[in-house]
PDB file of N, CA and C in Angstrom:
ATOM      1  N   MET A   1       5.630-215.504  35.092  1.00  0.00           N
ATOM      2  CA  MET A   1       5.524-214.369  36.010  1.00  0.00           C
ATOM      3  C   MET A   1       4.912-213.153  35.324  1.00  0.00           C
ATOM      4  N   ASN A   2       5.240-212.924  34.058  1.00  0.00           N
ATOM      5  CA  ASN A   2       4.683-211.810  33.288  1.00  0.00           C
ATOM      6  C   ASN A   2       4.817-210.463  33.986  1.00  0.00           C
ATOM      7  N   GLU A   3       6.006-210.165  34.424  1.00  0.00           N
ATOM      8  CA  GLU A   3       6.274-208.883  35.067  1.00  0.00           C
ATOM      9  C   GLU A   3       5.960-207.747  34.097  1.00  0.00           C
ATOM     10  N   THR A   4       5.139-206.812  34.532  1.00  0.00           N
ATOM     11  CA  THR A   4       4.828-205.662  33.682  1.00  0.00           C
ATOM     12  C   THR A   4       6.021-204.718  33.684  1.00  0.00           C
ATOM     13  N   LEU A   5       6.145-203.979  32.621  1.00  0.00           N
ATOM     14  CA  LEU A   5       7.262-203.046  32.494  1.00  0.00           C
ATOM     15  C   LEU A   5       6.989-201.780  33.280  1.00  0.00           C
ATOM     16  N   PRO A   6       8.030-201.163  33.827  1.00  0.00           N
ATOM     17  CA  PRO A   6       7.827-199.914  34.548  1.00  0.00           C
ATOM     18  C   PRO A   6       7.414-198.790  33.592  1.00  0.00           C
ATOM     19  N   GLU A   7       6.662-197.874  34.105  1.00  0.00           N
ATOM     20  CA  GLU A   7       6.128-196.759  33.315  1.00  0.00           C
ATOM     21  C   GLU A   7       7.230-195.955  32.623  1.00  0.00           C
ATOM     22  N   MET A   8       8.413-195.898  33.203  1.00  0.00           N
ATOM     23  CA  MET A   8       9.514-195.115  32.611  1.00  0.00           C
ATOM     24  C   MET A   8       9.915-195.631  31.230  1.00  0.00           C
ATOM     25  N   LEU A   9       9.559-196.877  30.896  1.00  0.00           N
ATOM     26  CA  LEU A   9       9.917-197.450  29.601  1.00  0.00           C
ATOM     27  C   LEU A   9       8.880-197.187  28.516  1.00  0.00           C
ATOM     28  N   LYS A  10       7.752-196.661  28.889  1.00  0.00           N
ATOM     29  CA  LYS A  10       6.646-196.470  27.943  1.00  0.00           C
ATOM     30  C   LYS A  10       7.057-195.654  26.721  1.00  0.00           C
ATOM     31  N   LYS A  11       7.917-194.681  26.894  1.00  0.00           N
ATOM     32  CA  LYS A  11       8.325-193.808  25.784  1.00  0.00           C
ATOM     33  C   LYS A  11       9.053-194.566  24.678  1.00  0.00           C
ATOM     34  N   TYR A  12       9.607-195.734  24.976  1.00  0.00           N
ATOM     35  CA  TYR A  12      10.327-196.512  23.972  1.00  0.00           C
ATOM     36  C   TYR A  12       9.422-197.434  23.163  1.00  0.00           C
ATOM     37  N   PHE A  13       8.182-197.537  23.572  1.00  0.00           N
ATOM     38  CA  PHE A  13       7.244-198.459  22.924  1.00  0.00           C
ATOM     39  C   PHE A  13       6.000-197.705  22.459  1.00  0.00           C
ATOM     40  N   TRP A  14       6.253-196.614  21.748  1.00  0.00           N
ATOM     41  CA  TRP A  14       5.202-195.726  21.258  1.00  0.00           C
ATOM     42  C   TRP A  14       4.260-196.435  20.286  1.00  0.00           C
ATOM     43  N   ASP A  15       4.719-197.474  19.640  1.00  0.00           N
ATOM     44  CA  ASP A  15       3.944-198.138  18.596  1.00  0.00           C
ATOM     45  C   ASP A  15       3.298-199.440  19.075  1.00  0.00           C
ATOM     46  N   CYS A  16       3.320-199.673  20.383  1.00  0.00           N
ATOM     47  CA  CYS A  16       2.826-200.937  20.940  1.00  0.00           C
ATOM     48  C   CYS A  16       1.775-200.677  22.005  1.00  0.00           C
ATOM     49  N   ASP A  17       1.017-201.723  22.296  1.00  0.00           N
ATOM     50  CA  ASP A  17       0.128-201.675  23.453  1.00  0.00           C
ATOM     51  C   ASP A  17       0.995-201.967  24.674  1.00  0.00           C
ATOM     52  N   PHE A  18       1.427-200.928  25.335  1.00  0.00           N
ATOM     53  CA  PHE A  18       2.410-201.036  26.408  1.00  0.00           C
ATOM     54  C   PHE A  18       1.958-201.972  27.521  1.00  0.00           C
ATOM     55  N   LYS A  19       0.683-201.971  27.826  1.00  0.00           N
ATOM     56  CA  LYS A  19       0.165-202.807  28.910  1.00  0.00           C
ATOM     57  C   LYS A  19       0.307-204.297  28.614  1.00  0.00           C
ATOM     58  N   GLU A  20       0.430-204.650  27.347  1.00  0.00           N
ATOM     59  CA  GLU A  20       0.544-206.054  26.958  1.00  0.00           C
ATOM     60  C   GLU A  20       1.988-206.561  26.940  1.00  0.00           C
ATOM     61  N   LEU A  21       2.955-205.656  27.009  1.00  0.00           N
ATOM     62  CA  LEU A  21       4.362-206.063  26.952  1.00  0.00           C
ATOM     63  C   LEU A  21       4.826-206.610  28.294  1.00  0.00           C
ATOM     64  N   ASN A  22       5.594-207.687  28.230  1.00  0.00           N
ATOM     65  CA  ASN A  22       6.233-208.228  29.429  1.00  0.00           C
ATOM     66  C   ASN A  22       7.506-208.944  29.007  1.00  0.00           C
ATOM     67  N   MET A  23       8.431-209.079  29.939  1.00  0.00           N
ATOM     68  CA  MET A  23       9.726-209.682  29.645  1.00  0.00           C
ATOM     69  C   MET A  23       9.622-211.176  29.367  1.00  0.00           C
ATOM     70  N   ASP A  24       8.627-211.842  29.892  1.00  0.00           N
ATOM     71  CA  ASP A  24       8.491-213.280  29.646  1.00  0.00           C
ATOM     72  C   ASP A  24       8.214-213.569  28.176  1.00  0.00           C
ATOM     73  N   GLN A  25       7.351-212.792  27.571  1.00  0.00           N
ATOM     74  CA  GLN A  25       6.964-213.052  26.186  1.00  0.00           C
ATOM     75  C   GLN A  25       7.769-212.269  25.161  1.00  0.00           C
ATOM     76  N   TYR A  26       8.223-211.086  25.507  1.00  0.00           N
ATOM     77  CA  TYR A  26       8.815-210.191  24.520  1.00  0.00           C
ATOM     78  C   TYR A  26      10.216-209.713  24.904  1.00  0.00           C
ATOM     79  N   ALA A  27      10.976-210.541  25.565  1.00  0.00           N
ATOM     80  CA  ALA A  27      12.297-210.128  26.067  1.00  0.00           C
ATOM     81  C   ALA A  27      13.226-209.648  24.949  1.00  0.00           C
ATOM     82  N   PHE A  28      13.253-210.359  23.831  1.00  0.00           N
ATOM     83  CA  PHE A  28      14.157-209.986  22.733  1.00  0.00           C
ATOM     84  C   PHE A  28      13.784-208.603  22.192  1.00  0.00           C
ATOM     85  N   PHE A  29      12.513-208.408  21.905  1.00  0.00           N
ATOM     86  CA  PHE A  29      12.021-207.134  21.369  1.00  0.00           C
ATOM     87  C   PHE A  29      12.272-205.984  22.345  1.00  0.00           C
ATOM     88  N   ILE A  30      11.953-206.191  23.600  1.00  0.00           N
ATOM     89  CA  ILE A  30      12.139-205.153  24.610  1.00  0.00           C
ATOM     90  C   ILE A  30      13.623-204.809  24.739  1.00  0.00           C
ATOM     91  N   THR A  31      14.458-205.823  24.743  1.00  0.00           N
ATOM     92  CA  THR A  31      15.897-205.601  24.856  1.00  0.00           C
ATOM     93  C   THR A  31      16.432-204.813  23.669  1.00  0.00           C
ATOM     94  N   GLU A  32      16.000-205.162  22.457  1.00  0.00           N
ATOM     95  CA  GLU A  32      16.413-204.400  21.270  1.00  0.00           C
ATOM     96  C   GLU A  32      16.088-202.925  21.417  1.00  0.00           C
ATOM     97  N   ARG A  33      14.860-202.638  21.795  1.00  0.00           N
ATOM     98  CA  ARG A  33      14.437-201.237  21.910  1.00  0.00           C
ATOM     99  C   ARG A  33      15.263-200.480  22.934  1.00  0.00           C
ATOM    100  N   ILE A  34      15.474-201.103  24.082  1.00  0.00           N
ATOM    101  CA  ILE A  34      16.206-200.412  25.136  1.00  0.00           C
ATOM    102  C   ILE A  34      17.676-200.245  24.752  1.00  0.00           C
ATOM    103  N   LEU A  35      18.264-201.248  24.124  1.00  0.00           N
ATOM    104  CA  LEU A  35      19.655-201.102  23.672  1.00  0.00           C
ATOM    105  C   LEU A  35      19.776-200.004  22.626  1.00  0.00           C
ATOM    106  N   ASN A  36      18.799-199.879  21.753  1.00  0.00           N
ATOM    107  CA  ASN A  36      18.829-198.860  20.702  1.00  0.00           C
ATOM    108  C   ASN A  36      18.549-197.455  21.221  1.00  0.00           C
ATOM    109  N   PHE A  37      17.552-197.320  22.063  1.00  0.00           N
ATOM    110  CA  PHE A  37      17.045-195.990  22.410  1.00  0.00           C
ATOM    111  C   PHE A  37      17.125-195.631  23.885  1.00  0.00           C
ATOM    112  N   GLY A  38      17.483-196.581  24.726  1.00  0.00           N
ATOM    113  CA  GLY A  38      17.388-196.379  26.167  1.00  0.00           C
ATOM    114  C   GLY A  38      18.355-195.362  26.743  1.00  0.00           C
ATOM    115  N   ASP A  39      17.941-194.794  27.862  1.00  0.00           N
ATOM    116  CA  ASP A  39      18.807-193.896  28.624  1.00  0.00           C
ATOM    117  C   ASP A  39      19.469-194.712  29.739  1.00  0.00           C
ATOM    118  N   THR A  40      20.249-194.055  30.566  1.00  0.00           N
ATOM    119  CA  THR A  40      20.991-194.746  31.619  1.00  0.00           C
ATOM    120  C   THR A  40      20.070-195.512  32.559  1.00  0.00           C
ATOM    121  N   THR A  41      18.969-194.923  32.949  1.00  0.00           N
ATOM    122  CA  THR A  41      18.044-195.566  33.879  1.00  0.00           C
ATOM    123  C   THR A  41      17.411-196.811  33.266  1.00  0.00           C
ATOM    124  N   SER A  42      16.981-196.721  32.029  1.00  0.00           N
ATOM    125  CA  SER A  42      16.349-197.880  31.394  1.00  0.00           C
ATOM    126  C   SER A  42      17.368-198.984  31.119  1.00  0.00           C
ATOM    127  N   LEU A  43      18.596-198.604  30.766  1.00  0.00           N
ATOM    128  CA  LEU A  43      19.644-199.607  30.553  1.00  0.00           C
ATOM    129  C   LEU A  43      19.986-200.322  31.852  1.00  0.00           C
ATOM    130  N   LYS A  44      20.042-199.589  32.939  1.00  0.00           N
ATOM    131  CA  LYS A  44      20.293-200.216  34.238  1.00  0.00           C
ATOM    132  C   LYS A  44      19.176-201.193  34.575  1.00  0.00           C
ATOM    133  N   TRP A  45      17.939-200.790  34.345  1.00  0.00           N
ATOM    134  CA  TRP A  45      16.803-201.681  34.594  1.00  0.00           C
ATOM    135  C   TRP A  45      16.964-202.966  33.785  1.00  0.00           C
ATOM    136  N   LEU A  46      17.300-202.832  32.509  1.00  0.00           N
ATOM    137  CA  LEU A  46      17.460-203.998  31.632  1.00  0.00           C
ATOM    138  C   LEU A  46      18.606-204.899  32.095  1.00  0.00           C
ATOM    139  N   ILE A  47      19.746-204.321  32.379  1.00  0.00           N
ATOM    140  CA  ILE A  47      20.919-205.105  32.776  1.00  0.00           C
ATOM    141  C   ILE A  47      20.687-205.834  34.097  1.00  0.00           C
ATOM    142  N   ASP A  48      19.921-205.228  34.984  1.00  0.00           N
ATOM    143  CA  ASP A  48      19.583-205.882  36.259  1.00  0.00           C
ATOM    144  C   ASP A  48      18.687-207.101  36.062  1.00  0.00           C
ATOM    145  N   ARG A  49      17.985-207.185  34.931  1.00  0.00           N
ATOM    146  CA  ARG A  49      17.019-208.258  34.707  1.00  0.00           C
ATOM    147  C   ARG A  49      17.432-209.282  33.653  1.00  0.00           C
ATOM    148  N   THR A  50      18.541-209.062  33.005  1.00  0.00           N
ATOM    149  CA  THR A  50      18.988-209.992  31.975  1.00  0.00           C
ATOM    150  C   THR A  50      20.425-210.401  32.250  1.00  0.00           C
ATOM    151  N   ASP A  51      20.827-211.485  31.660  1.00  0.00           N
ATOM    152  CA  ASP A  51      22.217-211.889  31.827  1.00  0.00           C
ATOM    153  C   ASP A  51      23.021-211.523  30.579  1.00  0.00           C
ATOM    154  N   LYS A  52      24.321-211.546  30.734  1.00  0.00           N
ATOM    155  CA  LYS A  52      25.228-211.127  29.667  1.00  0.00           C
ATOM    156  C   LYS A  52      25.069-212.002  28.428  1.00  0.00           C
ATOM    157  N   ALA A  53      24.844-213.285  28.611  1.00  0.00           N
ATOM    158  CA  ALA A  53      24.683-214.194  27.471  1.00  0.00           C
ATOM    159  C   ALA A  53      23.468-213.808  26.631  1.00  0.00           C
ATOM    160  N   PHE A  54      22.370-213.430  27.287  1.00  0.00           N
ATOM    161  CA  PHE A  54      21.177-213.019  26.544  1.00  0.00           C
ATOM    162  C   PHE A  54      21.438-211.714  25.800  1.00  0.00           C
ATOM    163  N   LEU A  55      22.096-210.765  26.440  1.00  0.00           N
ATOM    164  CA  LEU A  55      22.412-209.503  25.772  1.00  0.00           C
ATOM    165  C   LEU A  55      23.279-209.744  24.546  1.00  0.00           C
ATOM    166  N   LYS A  56      24.265-210.626  24.666  1.00  0.00           N
ATOM    167  CA  LYS A  56      25.110-210.974  23.520  1.00  0.00           C
ATOM    168  C   LYS A  56      24.277-211.576  22.393  1.00  0.00           C
ATOM    169  N   GLN A  57      23.354-212.443  22.752  1.00  0.00           N
ATOM    170  CA  GLN A  57      22.487-213.075  21.754  1.00  0.00           C
ATOM    171  C   GLN A  57      21.683-212.020  20.996  1.00  0.00           C
ATOM    172  N   VAL A  58      21.139-211.065  21.708  1.00  0.00           N
ATOM    173  CA  VAL A  58      20.358-210.010  21.063  1.00  0.00           C
ATOM    174  C   VAL A  58      21.251-209.191  20.136  1.00  0.00           C
ATOM    175  N   VAL A  59      22.423-208.807  20.601  1.00  0.00           N
ATOM    176  CA  VAL A  59      23.337-208.012  19.779  1.00  0.00           C
ATOM    177  C   VAL A  59      23.739-208.781  18.518  1.00  0.00           C
ATOM    178  N   GLU A  60      23.987-210.065  18.649  1.00  0.00           N
ATOM    179  CA  GLU A  60      24.408-210.879  17.502  1.00  0.00           C
ATOM    180  C   GLU A  60      23.285-211.120  16.496  1.00  0.00           C
ATOM    181  N   LYS A  61      22.062-211.318  16.974  1.00  0.00           N
ATOM    182  CA  LYS A  61      20.974-211.757  16.100  1.00  0.00           C
ATOM    183  C   LYS A  61      20.014-210.657  15.670  1.00  0.00           C
ATOM    184  N   SER A  62      20.039-209.528  16.339  1.00  0.00           N
ATOM    185  CA  SER A  62      19.064-208.478  16.053  1.00  0.00           C
ATOM    186  C   SER A  62      19.234-207.901  14.651  1.00  0.00           C
ATOM    187  N   ARG A  63      18.126-207.689  14.008  1.00  0.00           N
ATOM    188  CA  ARG A  63      18.107-206.980  12.723  1.00  0.00           C
ATOM    189  C   ARG A  63      17.698-205.525  12.902  1.00  0.00           C
ATOM    190  N   ASN A  64      17.423-205.145  14.143  1.00  0.00           N
ATOM    191  CA  ASN A  64      16.909-203.808  14.408  1.00  0.00           C
ATOM    192  C   ASN A  64      17.890-202.871  15.094  1.00  0.00           C
ATOM    193  N   LEU A  65      19.030-203.363  15.526  1.00  0.00           N
ATOM    194  CA  LEU A  65      20.021-202.471  16.130  1.00  0.00           C
ATOM    195  C   LEU A  65      20.743-201.711  15.024  1.00  0.00           C
ATOM    196  N   ASP A  66      20.900-200.411  15.207  1.00  0.00           N
ATOM    197  CA  ASP A  66      21.655-199.674  14.202  1.00  0.00           C
ATOM    198  C   ASP A  66      23.141-199.988  14.367  1.00  0.00           C
ATOM    199  N   ASN A  67      23.939-199.692  13.360  1.00  0.00           N
ATOM    200  CA  ASN A  67      25.345-200.095  13.345  1.00  0.00           C
ATOM    201  C   ASN A  67      26.145-199.520  14.503  1.00  0.00           C
ATOM    202  N   LYS A  68      25.928-198.265  14.843  1.00  0.00           N
ATOM    203  CA  LYS A  68      26.657-197.659  15.955  1.00  0.00           C
ATOM    204  C   LYS A  68      26.299-198.330  17.272  1.00  0.00           C
ATOM    205  N   THR A  69      25.028-198.617  17.450  1.00  0.00           N
ATOM    206  CA  THR A  69      24.577-199.275  18.678  1.00  0.00           C
ATOM    207  C   THR A  69      25.159-200.681  18.773  1.00  0.00           C
ATOM    208  N   ARG A  70      25.097-201.427  17.685  1.00  0.00           N
ATOM    209  CA  ARG A  70      25.656-202.783  17.681  1.00  0.00           C
ATOM    210  C   ARG A  70      27.148-202.747  18.014  1.00  0.00           C
ATOM    211  N   ASN A  71      27.876-201.848  17.389  1.00  0.00           N
ATOM    212  CA  ASN A  71      29.311-201.719  17.644  1.00  0.00           C
ATOM    213  C   ASN A  71      29.578-201.391  19.113  1.00  0.00           C
ATOM    214  N   TYR A  72      28.846-200.451  19.659  1.00  0.00           N
ATOM    215  CA  TYR A  72      29.011-200.080  21.070  1.00  0.00           C
ATOM    216  C   TYR A  72      28.811-201.289  21.977  1.00  0.00           C
ATOM    217  N   TRP A  73      27.722-202.012  21.770  1.00  0.00           N
ATOM    218  CA  TRP A  73      27.426-203.135  22.656  1.00  0.00           C
ATOM    219  C   TRP A  73      28.384-204.295  22.434  1.00  0.00           C
ATOM    220  N   GLU A  74      28.893-204.461  21.239  1.00  0.00           N
ATOM    221  CA  GLU A  74      29.921-205.482  21.030  1.00  0.00           C
ATOM    222  C   GLU A  74      31.175-205.141  21.833  1.00  0.00           C
ATOM    223  N   ILE A  75      31.558-203.892  21.826  1.00  0.00           N
ATOM    224  CA  ILE A  75      32.714-203.453  22.614  1.00  0.00           C
ATOM    225  C   ILE A  75      32.444-203.660  24.106  1.00  0.00           C
ATOM    226  N   MET A  76      31.279-203.251  24.568  1.00  0.00           N
ATOM    227  CA  MET A  76      30.949-203.354  25.989  1.00  0.00           C
ATOM    228  C   MET A  76      30.844-204.802  26.456  1.00  0.00           C
ATOM    229  N   LEU A  77      30.302-205.656  25.628  1.00  0.00           N
ATOM    230  CA  LEU A  77      30.043-207.034  26.055  1.00  0.00           C
ATOM    231  C   LEU A  77      31.197-207.987  25.798  1.00  0.00           C
ATOM    232  N   TYR A  78      32.047-207.688  24.825  1.00  0.00           N
ATOM    233  CA  TYR A  78      33.085-208.638  24.442  1.00  0.00           C
ATOM    234  C   TYR A  78      34.508-208.195  24.783  1.00  0.00           C
ATOM    235  N   ASP A  79      34.761-206.919  24.885  1.00  0.00           N
ATOM    236  CA  ASP A  79      36.128-206.449  25.085  1.00  0.00           C
ATOM    237  C   ASP A  79      36.714-206.816  26.448  1.00  0.00           C
ATOM    238  N   ASN A  80      35.887-207.069  27.410  1.00  0.00           N
ATOM    239  CA  ASN A  80      36.390-207.366  28.750  1.00  0.00           C
ATOM    240  C   ASN A  80      36.670-208.847  28.968  1.00  0.00           C
ATOM    241  N   GLU A  81      36.516-209.642  27.938  1.00  0.00           N
ATOM    242  CA  GLU A  81      36.753-211.075  28.058  1.00  0.00           C
ATOM    243  C   GLU A  81      38.184-211.407  27.670  1.00  0.00           C
ATOM    244  N   PRO A  82      38.765-212.380  28.332  1.00  0.00           N
ATOM    245  CA  PRO A  82      40.123-212.785  27.937  1.00  0.00           C
ATOM    246  C   PRO A  82      40.119-213.432  26.565  1.00  0.00           C
ATOM    247  N   ALA A  83      41.138-213.186  25.786  1.00  0.00           N
ATOM    248  CA  ALA A  83      41.239-213.756  24.427  1.00  0.00           C
ATOM    249  C   ALA A  83      41.983-215.095  24.511  1.00  0.00           C
ATOM    250  N   TYR A  84      41.247-216.164  24.658  1.00  0.00           N
ATOM    251  CA  TYR A  84      41.837-217.507  24.745  1.00  0.00           C
ATOM    252  C   TYR A  84      42.006-218.091  23.371  1.00  0.00           C
TER     253      TYR A  84
END
């Protein structure tokens, strides 16, 4: 499908050719950037287009999330699960 990213996200990809970015090819990279730097609107856009399992995967495997961001998303994504 190669859905192009909305213009509101351009500010997070200052070092990239924004027109070439799409969620089909660069979902992990785009998700990292938005989790690290995104505002409420961009985070809502991301969450509407990804599932919780993918977000967890990015948080677990990313080398680019800063420690505070990783900790925040671990709390948000894992704390609401029952401890079996």
